[in-house]
Amino acid sequence: MNRTRLSWIALLLAAGVFMACHADSVRLLPERVATHFDGAGRANGWMSRAQHIWFSPLIHLGASAFILGLTSILHRLPPVLLNLPNKDHWRDPAHYPAACAFLREWSRWLAAVMLVWAIFMDRQIVLANQTQPPRLDSAAIWMLTACFLAATSVAVLWLLLKFRREPPRTGPSATSPT
């Protein structure tokens, strides 16, 4: 299975699991949902269950769609807008489509990571609302945040390594020493 297909499967699976978990968690939420918490885990922002039902998917799926949308139109933009290491190589018309294709694939993986993080964050919101008064588990949130930042760092490192690699040299100077 190629990486492009695998990235689509990961993204669609993450979106499907996010929506299934979100739909399942609705029954566990009170009518008034604590949705924002201070640094100590105390609720300081609220919305109705109906608002939360729509707001959470809108934010999480919307952020993923925004990233996917940006990279999906990249190939239609002038190559000069692509700001990457080795930009002369990647902006070249012969290599620009490959750069755009990699960025589209990369964005699918990043969006999938974001949705997995959203699944666990939504779960923490549900758990927080099952206590009175609602209280968010700060340790769990820090762990989720650390995992998300680590995954994002790996994604950015992957991106940089891909585009920082010295492009293969072509032409007469690449084959004969002078």
Foldseek 3Di string as FASTA:
>chain_A
DDLLVVLVVLLVVLLVVLLVLLVVLLVLADQKFQDDADLQFAGDDIDGSVCVSPVLCCVLVVVLVVQLVVLVCVVVDQLVPDDAAVSVVCNPPVNVVVLSVVSNSLSSNLSSLSSVLSSVVVVQSSVQRVDVPRGGDNVSVVVSVVVSVVVVVVSVVVSNVVRNPDDQDDDDCNPDPD
